[in-house]
Amino acid sequence: MAGGGDFYDRDRPENPQLAEDRPRGGGPEDRPRSGGRLLVPMLIAGAVLILILFFVFI
């Protein structure tokens, strides 16, 4: 029987690492747009402001 690392090294390629099919990170084109995150809070704040002004001036 083969001893040590010879048993596993026999059938392995020289570079046993697989190529990464989904690279981590990304470039500037992969970043989410920041406008979408601010739109909902701004709409809620605007609706609250309109309601406050509506009840103040009635």
PDB file of N, CA and C in Angstrom:
ATOM      1  N   MET A   1       0.839  -1.178   0.000  1.00  0.00           N
ATOM      2  CA  MET A   1       0.000   0.000   0.000  1.00  0.00           C
ATOM      3  C   MET A   1       0.884   1.241   0.000  1.00  0.00           C
ATOM      4  N   ALA A   2       0.440   2.272  -0.733  1.00  0.00           N
ATOM      5  CA  ALA A   2       1.222   3.508  -0.823  1.00  0.00           C
ATOM      6  C   ALA A   2       1.150   4.258   0.497  1.00  0.00           C
ATOM      7  N   GLY A   3       2.231   4.881   0.843  1.00  0.00           N
ATOM      8  CA  GLY A   3       2.261   5.582   2.120  1.00  0.00           C
ATOM      9  C   GLY A   3       2.317   7.086   1.931  1.00  0.00           C
ATOM     10  N   GLY A   4       1.881   7.792   2.956  1.00  0.00           N
ATOM     11  CA  GLY A   4       1.994   9.244   2.962  1.00  0.00           C
ATOM     12  C   GLY A   4       1.135   9.920   1.904  1.00  0.00           C
ATOM     13  N   GLY A   5       1.700  10.935   1.269  1.00  0.00           N
ATOM     14  CA  GLY A   5       0.963  11.717   0.289  1.00  0.00           C
ATOM     15  C   GLY A   5       0.931  11.084  -1.087  1.00  0.00           C
ATOM     16  N   ASP A   6       1.700  10.012  -1.311  1.00  0.00           N
ATOM     17  CA  ASP A   6       1.724   9.384  -2.631  1.00  0.00           C
ATOM     18  C   ASP A   6       0.351   8.845  -3.030  1.00  0.00           C
ATOM     19  N   PHE A   7      -0.414   8.379  -2.069  1.00  0.00           N
ATOM     20  CA  PHE A   7      -1.709   7.785  -2.382  1.00  0.00           C
ATOM     21  C   PHE A   7      -2.657   8.815  -3.016  1.00  0.00           C
ATOM     22  N   TYR A   8      -2.656  10.012  -2.482  1.00  0.00           N
ATOM     23  CA  TYR A   8      -3.570  11.028  -3.000  1.00  0.00           C
ATOM     24  C   TYR A   8      -2.984  11.809  -4.163  1.00  0.00           C
ATOM     25  N   ASP A   9      -1.680  11.970  -4.219  1.00  0.00           N
ATOM     26  CA  ASP A   9      -1.050  12.745  -5.284  1.00  0.00           C
ATOM     27  C   ASP A   9      -1.028  12.015  -6.612  1.00  0.00           C
ATOM     28  N   ARG A  10      -1.242  10.731  -6.606  1.00  0.00           N
ATOM     29  CA  ARG A  10      -1.102   9.933  -7.815  1.00  0.00           C
ATOM     30  C   ARG A  10      -2.094  10.349  -8.906  1.00  0.00           C
ATOM     31  N   ASP A  11      -3.370  10.550  -8.555  1.00  0.00           N
ATOM     32  CA  ASP A  11      -4.393  10.837  -9.564  1.00  0.00           C
ATOM     33  C   ASP A  11      -4.797  12.307  -9.643  1.00  0.00           C
ATOM     34  N   ARG A  12      -4.139  13.148  -8.884  1.00  0.00           N
ATOM     35  CA  ARG A  12      -4.540  14.557  -8.867  1.00  0.00           C
ATOM     36  C   ARG A  12      -3.805  15.329  -9.950  1.00  0.00           C
ATOM     37  N   PRO A  13      -4.470  16.334 -10.534  1.00  0.00           N
ATOM     38  CA  PRO A  13      -3.768  17.187 -11.504  1.00  0.00           C
ATOM     39  C   PRO A  13      -2.753  18.084 -10.792  1.00  0.00           C
ATOM     40  N   GLU A  14      -1.928  18.751 -11.565  1.00  0.00           N
ATOM     41  CA  GLU A  14      -0.907  19.621 -10.971  1.00  0.00           C
ATOM     42  C   GLU A  14      -1.554  20.776 -10.201  1.00  0.00           C
ATOM     43  N   ASN A  15      -2.640  21.327 -10.729  1.00  0.00           N
ATOM     44  CA  ASN A  15      -3.335  22.423 -10.062  1.00  0.00           C
ATOM     45  C   ASN A  15      -4.736  21.938  -9.706  1.00  0.00           C
ATOM     46  N   PRO A  16      -4.934  21.374  -8.509  1.00  0.00           N
ATOM     47  CA  PRO A  16      -6.225  20.778  -8.177  1.00  0.00           C
ATOM     48  C   PRO A  16      -7.320  21.794  -7.833  1.00  0.00           C
ATOM     49  N   GLN A  17      -7.009  23.082  -7.799  1.00  0.00           N
ATOM     50  CA  GLN A  17      -8.010  24.108  -7.485  1.00  0.00           C
ATOM     51  C   GLN A  17      -8.968  24.263  -8.659  1.00  0.00           C
ATOM     52  N   LEU A  18     -10.264  24.310  -8.360  1.00  0.00           N
ATOM     53  CA  LEU A  18     -11.247  24.553  -9.404  1.00  0.00           C
ATOM     54  C   LEU A  18     -11.362  26.047  -9.665  1.00  0.00           C
ATOM     55  N   ALA A  19     -11.619  26.378 -10.905  1.00  0.00           N
ATOM     56  CA  ALA A  19     -11.832  27.791 -11.235  1.00  0.00           C
ATOM     57  C   ALA A  19     -13.135  28.252 -10.594  1.00  0.00           C
ATOM     58  N   GLU A  20     -13.136  29.464 -10.060  1.00  0.00           N
ATOM     59  CA  GLU A  20     -14.320  29.970  -9.380  1.00  0.00           C
ATOM     60  C   GLU A  20     -15.343  30.401 -10.422  1.00  0.00           C
ATOM     61  N   ASP A  21     -16.531  29.790 -10.383  1.00  0.00           N
ATOM     62  CA  ASP A  21     -17.535  30.095 -11.394  1.00  0.00           C
ATOM     63  C   ASP A  21     -18.351  31.331 -11.042  1.00  0.00           C
ATOM     64  N   ARG A  22     -18.366  31.714  -9.767  1.00  0.00           N
ATOM     65  CA  ARG A  22     -19.052  32.934  -9.358  1.00  0.00           C
ATOM     66  C   ARG A  22     -18.070  33.782  -8.567  1.00  0.00           C
ATOM     67  N   PRO A  23     -17.317  34.638  -9.232  1.00  0.00           N
ATOM     68  CA  PRO A  23     -16.318  35.435  -8.525  1.00  0.00           C
ATOM     69  C   PRO A  23     -16.965  36.321  -7.462  1.00  0.00           C
ATOM     70  N   ARG A  24     -16.289  36.460  -6.362  1.00  0.00           N
ATOM     71  CA  ARG A  24     -16.782  37.327  -5.296  1.00  0.00           C
ATOM     72  C   ARG A  24     -16.470  38.772  -5.622  1.00  0.00           C
ATOM     73  N   GLY A  25     -17.205  39.665  -4.978  1.00  0.00           N
ATOM     74  CA  GLY A  25     -16.953  41.082  -5.191  1.00  0.00           C
ATOM     75  C   GLY A  25     -17.666  41.557  -6.434  1.00  0.00           C
ATOM     76  N   GLY A  26     -17.016  42.336  -7.204  1.00  0.00           N
ATOM     77  CA  GLY A  26     -17.602  42.857  -8.424  1.00  0.00           C
ATOM     78  C   GLY A  26     -17.106  44.265  -8.674  1.00  0.00           C
ATOM     79  N   GLY A  27     -17.413  44.737  -9.834  1.00  0.00           N
ATOM     80  CA  GLY A  27     -16.991  46.069 -10.211  1.00  0.00           C
ATOM     81  C   GLY A  27     -18.065  47.097  -9.931  1.00  0.00           C
ATOM     82  N   PRO A  28     -17.859  48.289 -10.417  1.00  0.00           N
ATOM     83  CA  PRO A  28     -18.828  49.356 -10.166  1.00  0.00           C
ATOM     84  C   PRO A  28     -20.194  49.073 -10.784  1.00  0.00           C
ATOM     85  N   GLU A  29     -20.241  48.264 -11.822  1.00  0.00           N
ATOM     86  CA  GLU A  29     -21.527  47.961 -12.457  1.00  0.00           C
ATOM     87  C   GLU A  29     -22.384  47.027 -11.608  1.00  0.00           C
ATOM     88  N   ASP A  30     -21.787  46.363 -10.615  1.00  0.00           N
ATOM     89  CA  ASP A  30     -22.528  45.440  -9.760  1.00  0.00           C
ATOM     90  C   ASP A  30     -23.052  46.089  -8.487  1.00  0.00           C
ATOM     91  N   ARG A  31     -22.684  47.344  -8.240  1.00  0.00           N
ATOM     92  CA  ARG A  31     -23.129  48.006  -7.020  1.00  0.00           C
ATOM     93  C   ARG A  31     -24.592  48.408  -7.142  1.00  0.00           C
ATOM     94  N   PRO A  32     -25.343  48.262  -6.059  1.00  0.00           N
ATOM     95  CA  PRO A  32     -26.748  48.680  -6.117  1.00  0.00           C
ATOM     96  C   PRO A  32     -26.856  50.197  -6.193  1.00  0.00           C
ATOM     97  N   ARG A  33     -27.893  50.638  -6.837  1.00  0.00           N
ATOM     98  CA  ARG A  33     -28.124  52.083  -6.940  1.00  0.00           C
ATOM     99  C   ARG A  33     -28.600  52.600  -5.596  1.00  0.00           C
ATOM    100  N   SER A  34     -28.048  53.718  -5.158  1.00  0.00           N
ATOM    101  CA  SER A  34     -28.395  54.248  -3.840  1.00  0.00           C
ATOM    102  C   SER A  34     -29.722  54.991  -3.877  1.00  0.00           C
ATOM    103  N   GLY A  35     -30.200  55.408  -5.037  1.00  0.00           N
ATOM    104  CA  GLY A  35     -31.450  56.153  -5.121  1.00  0.00           C
ATOM    105  C   GLY A  35     -32.646  55.334  -4.665  1.00  0.00           C
ATOM    106  N   GLY A  36     -32.648  54.037  -4.877  1.00  0.00           N
ATOM    107  CA  GLY A  36     -33.757  53.189  -4.483  1.00  0.00           C
ATOM    108  C   GLY A  36     -33.894  53.071  -2.971  1.00  0.00           C
ATOM    109  N   ARG A  37     -32.786  53.160  -2.276  1.00  0.00           N
ATOM    110  CA  ARG A  37     -32.834  53.052  -0.820  1.00  0.00           C
ATOM    111  C   ARG A  37     -33.382  54.317  -0.178  1.00  0.00           C
ATOM    112  N   LEU A  38     -33.201  55.445  -0.811  1.00  0.00           N
ATOM    113  CA  LEU A  38     -33.654  56.712  -0.235  1.00  0.00           C
ATOM    114  C   LEU A  38     -35.062  57.080  -0.672  1.00  0.00           C
ATOM    115  N   LEU A  39     -35.555  56.469  -1.701  1.00  0.00           N
ATOM    116  CA  LEU A  39     -36.850  56.852  -2.247  1.00  0.00           C
ATOM    117  C   LEU A  39     -37.987  56.563  -1.269  1.00  0.00           C
ATOM    118  N   VAL A  40     -38.036  55.396  -0.685  1.00  0.00           N
ATOM    119  CA  VAL A  40     -39.131  55.021   0.216  1.00  0.00           C
ATOM    120  C   VAL A  40     -39.148  55.892   1.473  1.00  0.00           C
ATOM    121  N   PRO A  41     -38.026  56.090   2.163  1.00  0.00           N
ATOM    122  CA  PRO A  41     -38.075  56.977   3.333  1.00  0.00           C
ATOM    123  C   PRO A  41     -38.478  58.411   2.977  1.00  0.00           C
ATOM    124  N   MET A  42     -38.056  58.896   1.812  1.00  0.00           N
ATOM    125  CA  MET A  42     -38.438  60.251   1.401  1.00  0.00           C
ATOM    126  C   MET A  42     -39.935  60.334   1.123  1.00  0.00           C
ATOM    127  N   LEU A  43     -40.496  59.303   0.520  1.00  0.00           N
ATOM    128  CA  LEU A  43     -41.941  59.302   0.270  1.00  0.00           C
ATOM    129  C   LEU A  43     -42.726  59.255   1.577  1.00  0.00           C
ATOM    130  N   ILE A  44     -42.257  58.455   2.529  1.00  0.00           N
ATOM    131  CA  ILE A  44     -42.935  58.375   3.823  1.00  0.00           C
ATOM    132  C   ILE A  44     -42.840  59.713   4.550  1.00  0.00           C
ATOM    133  N   ALA A  45     -41.674  60.329   4.552  1.00  0.00           N
ATOM    134  CA  ALA A  45     -41.503  61.627   5.211  1.00  0.00           C
ATOM    135  C   ALA A  45     -42.378  62.688   4.542  1.00  0.00           C
ATOM    136  N   GLY A  46     -42.481  62.644   3.238  1.00  0.00           N
ATOM    137  CA  GLY A  46     -43.347  63.601   2.532  1.00  0.00           C
ATOM    138  C   GLY A  46     -44.810  63.400   2.882  1.00  0.00           C
ATOM    139  N   ALA A  47     -45.253  62.156   2.969  1.00  0.00           N
ATOM    140  CA  ALA A  47     -46.644  61.881   3.324  1.00  0.00           C
ATOM    141  C   ALA A  47     -46.940  62.340   4.747  1.00  0.00           C
ATOM    142  N   VAL A  48     -46.010  62.115   5.662  1.00  0.00           N
ATOM    143  CA  VAL A  48     -46.204  62.560   7.051  1.00  0.00           C
ATOM    144  C   VAL A  48     -46.246  64.087   7.113  1.00  0.00           C
ATOM    145  N   LEU A  49     -45.379  64.742   6.373  1.00  0.00           N
ATOM    146  CA  LEU A  49     -45.366  66.205   6.341  1.00  0.00           C
ATOM    147  C   LEU A  49     -46.680  66.761   5.794  1.00  0.00           C
ATOM    148  N   ILE A  50     -47.206  66.156   4.745  1.00  0.00           N
ATOM    149  CA  ILE A  50     -48.484  66.597   4.178  1.00  0.00           C
ATOM    150  C   ILE A  50     -49.607  66.398   5.189  1.00  0.00           C
ATOM    151  N   LEU A  51     -49.609  65.271   5.895  1.00  0.00           N
ATOM    152  CA  LEU A  51     -50.642  65.024   6.910  1.00  0.00           C
ATOM    153  C   LEU A  51     -50.549  66.037   8.054  1.00  0.00           C
ATOM    154  N   ILE A  52     -49.338  66.324   8.495  1.00  0.00           N
ATOM    155  CA  ILE A  52     -49.170  67.308   9.581  1.00  0.00           C
ATOM    156  C   ILE A  52     -49.666  68.679   9.138  1.00  0.00           C
ATOM    157  N   LEU A  53     -49.269  69.100   7.931  1.00  0.00           N
ATOM    158  CA  LEU A  53     -49.716  70.404   7.433  1.00  0.00           C
ATOM    159  C   LEU A  53     -51.220  70.421   7.226  1.00  0.00           C
ATOM    160  N   PHE A  54     -51.803  69.325   6.806  1.00  0.00           N
ATOM    161  CA  PHE A  54     -53.247  69.244   6.588  1.00  0.00           C
ATOM    162  C   PHE A  54     -54.002  69.452   7.919  1.00  0.00           C
ATOM    163  N   PHE A  55     -53.538  68.784   8.981  1.00  0.00           N
ATOM    164  CA  PHE A  55     -54.227  68.903  10.258  1.00  0.00           C
ATOM    165  C   PHE A  55     -53.939  70.227  10.964  1.00  0.00           C
ATOM    166  N   VAL A  56     -52.824  70.870  10.679  1.00  0.00           N
ATOM    167  CA  VAL A  56     -52.505  72.162  11.294  1.00  0.00           C
ATOM    168  C   VAL A  56     -53.371  73.261  10.700  1.00  0.00           C
ATOM    169  N   PHE A  57     -53.574  73.239   9.407  1.00  0.00           N
ATOM    170  CA  PHE A  57     -54.295  74.330   8.731  1.00  0.00           C
ATOM    171  C   PHE A  57     -55.777  74.076   8.569  1.00  0.00           C
ATOM    172  N   ILE A  58     -56.311  73.047   9.177  1.00  0.00           N
ATOM    173  CA  ILE A  58     -57.769  72.824   9.107  1.00  0.00           C
ATOM    174  C   ILE A  58     -58.455  73.541  10.221  1.00  0.00           C
TER     175      ILE A  58
END
